Amino acid sequence: TRLILHSKAQTTVMHLAAEAGSVEDLELEDVLSVGFGGVKCVESGGPEPGVGCAGRGVITAINFLEEEGAYD
């Protein structure tokens, strides 16, 4: 995603959800970035290494994207 977006790193869904209060408080536009060639990017994220299950961040992000119609 760094090369596609021409930036260092994208803010993760998990980080944005923590800032907003919960993932339900986010909108698709909050997490979606459009990069080179119109490629749409979302960074799932997860807990710090050794703290929890990294899969939780991926599952949360995928469920959020499905609910928001990102795959339509």
C-alpha atoms as a PDB file:
ATOM      1  CA  THR A   1       0.000   0.000   0.000  1.00  0.00           C
ATOM      2  CA  ARG A   2       2.893   2.384   0.590  1.00  0.00           C
ATOM      3  CA  LEU A   3       3.879   2.372  -3.079  1.00  0.00           C
ATOM      4  CA  ILE A   4       0.289   2.585  -4.303  1.00  0.00           C
ATOM      5  CA  LEU A   5      -0.516   5.540  -2.027  1.00  0.00           C
ATOM      6  CA  HIS A   6       2.869   7.265  -2.368  1.00  0.00           C
ATOM      7  CA  SER A   7       3.023   7.669   1.414  1.00  0.00           C
ATOM      8  CA  LYS A   8       4.657   6.121   4.466  1.00  0.00           C
ATOM      9  CA  ALA A   9       1.781   4.211   6.034  1.00  0.00           C
ATOM     10  CA  GLN A  10      -1.987   4.214   6.057  1.00  0.00           C
ATOM     11  CA  THR A  11      -3.868   4.506   9.352  1.00  0.00           C
ATOM     12  CA  THR A  12      -5.394   1.137  10.236  1.00  0.00           C
ATOM     13  CA  VAL A  13      -9.087   0.349  10.686  1.00  0.00           C
ATOM     14  CA  MET A  14      -8.323  -0.806  14.235  1.00  0.00           C
ATOM     15  CA  HIS A  15      -6.549   2.467  15.085  1.00  0.00           C
ATOM     16  CA  LEU A  16      -9.334   4.588  13.583  1.00  0.00           C
ATOM     17  CA  ALA A  17     -11.957   2.522  15.446  1.00  0.00           C
ATOM     18  CA  ALA A  18     -10.100   3.057  18.720  1.00  0.00           C
ATOM     19  CA  GLU A  19      -9.998   6.815  18.088  1.00  0.00           C
ATOM     20  CA  ALA A  20     -13.688   6.952  17.101  1.00  0.00           C
ATOM     21  CA  GLY A  21     -14.865   4.763  19.982  1.00  0.00           C
ATOM     22  CA  SER A  22     -15.825   1.680  17.967  1.00  0.00           C
ATOM     23  CA  VAL A  23     -15.852   0.361  14.432  1.00  0.00           C
ATOM     24  CA  GLU A  24     -19.583   1.163  14.246  1.00  0.00           C
ATOM     25  CA  ASP A  25     -18.676   4.864  14.491  1.00  0.00           C
ATOM     26  CA  LEU A  26     -16.640   4.724  11.251  1.00  0.00           C
ATOM     27  CA  GLU A  27     -17.724   5.364   7.685  1.00  0.00           C
ATOM     28  CA  LEU A  28     -16.189   3.709   4.633  1.00  0.00           C
ATOM     29  CA  GLU A  29     -14.681   7.050   3.596  1.00  0.00           C
ATOM     30  CA  ASP A  30     -12.805   7.179   6.928  1.00  0.00           C
ATOM     31  CA  VAL A  31     -10.755   4.061   6.163  1.00  0.00           C
ATOM     32  CA  LEU A  32     -10.565   3.961   2.364  1.00  0.00           C
ATOM     33  CA  SER A  33      -7.753   5.632   0.438  1.00  0.00           C
ATOM     34  CA  VAL A  34      -7.489   5.760  -3.348  1.00  0.00           C
ATOM     35  CA  GLY A  35      -4.028   5.448  -4.806  1.00  0.00           C
ATOM     36  CA  PHE A  36      -2.244   5.078  -8.132  1.00  0.00           C
ATOM     37  CA  GLY A  37      -4.506   3.928 -10.952  1.00  0.00           C
ATOM     38  CA  GLY A  38      -7.623   4.238  -8.784  1.00  0.00           C
ATOM     39  CA  VAL A  39      -6.632   1.297  -6.568  1.00  0.00           C
ATOM     40  CA  LYS A  40      -8.629   1.401  -3.317  1.00  0.00           C
ATOM     41  CA  CYS A  41      -6.645   0.585  -0.171  1.00  0.00           C
ATOM     42  CA  VAL A  42      -7.597  -0.243   3.415  1.00  0.00           C
ATOM     43  CA  GLU A  43      -5.133  -1.248   6.134  1.00  0.00           C
ATOM     44  CA  SER A  44      -6.657  -3.643   8.683  1.00  0.00           C
ATOM     45  CA  GLY A  45      -4.114  -3.509  11.522  1.00  0.00           C
ATOM     46  CA  GLY A  46      -4.355  -5.373  14.776  1.00  0.00           C
ATOM     47  CA  PRO A  47      -3.096  -5.363  18.332  1.00  0.00           C
ATOM     48  CA  GLU A  48       0.560  -4.795  19.170  1.00  0.00           C
ATOM     49  CA  PRO A  49       2.710  -7.923  18.698  1.00  0.00           C
ATOM     50  CA  GLY A  50       2.431 -10.265  21.678  1.00  0.00           C
ATOM     51  CA  VAL A  51      -0.713  -8.565  23.002  1.00  0.00           C
ATOM     52  CA  GLY A  52      -3.549 -10.290  21.152  1.00  0.00           C
ATOM     53  CA  CYS A  53      -4.699 -12.051  18.017  1.00  0.00           C
ATOM     54  CA  ALA A  54      -3.653 -10.313  14.783  1.00  0.00           C
ATOM     55  CA  GLY A  55      -6.471 -12.146  13.006  1.00  0.00           C
ATOM     56  CA  ARG A  56      -8.957 -10.115  15.020  1.00  0.00           C
ATOM     57  CA  GLY A  57      -7.922  -6.949  13.193  1.00  0.00           C
ATOM     58  CA  VAL A  58      -8.266  -8.596   9.793  1.00  0.00           C
ATOM     59  CA  ILE A  59     -11.669 -10.109  10.633  1.00  0.00           C
ATOM     60  CA  THR A  60     -12.927  -6.792  12.042  1.00  0.00           C
ATOM     61  CA  ALA A  61     -11.802  -4.928   8.921  1.00  0.00           C
ATOM     62  CA  ILE A  62     -13.327  -7.471   6.511  1.00  0.00           C
ATOM     63  CA  ASN A  63     -16.655  -7.477   8.368  1.00  0.00           C
ATOM     64  CA  PHE A  64     -16.701  -3.666   8.401  1.00  0.00           C
ATOM     65  CA  LEU A  65     -15.986  -3.488   4.660  1.00  0.00           C
ATOM     66  CA  GLU A  66     -18.749  -6.018   3.910  1.00  0.00           C
ATOM     67  CA  GLU A  67     -21.277  -4.112   6.040  1.00  0.00           C
ATOM     68  CA  GLU A  68     -20.348  -0.812   4.374  1.00  0.00           C
ATOM     69  CA  GLY A  69     -20.738  -2.262   0.860  1.00  0.00           C
ATOM     70  CA  ALA A  70     -17.084  -1.924  -0.107  1.00  0.00           C
ATOM     71  CA  TYR A  71     -17.269  -5.056  -2.253  1.00  0.00           C
ATOM     72  CA  ASP A  72     -20.399  -4.036  -4.182  1.00  0.00           C
END
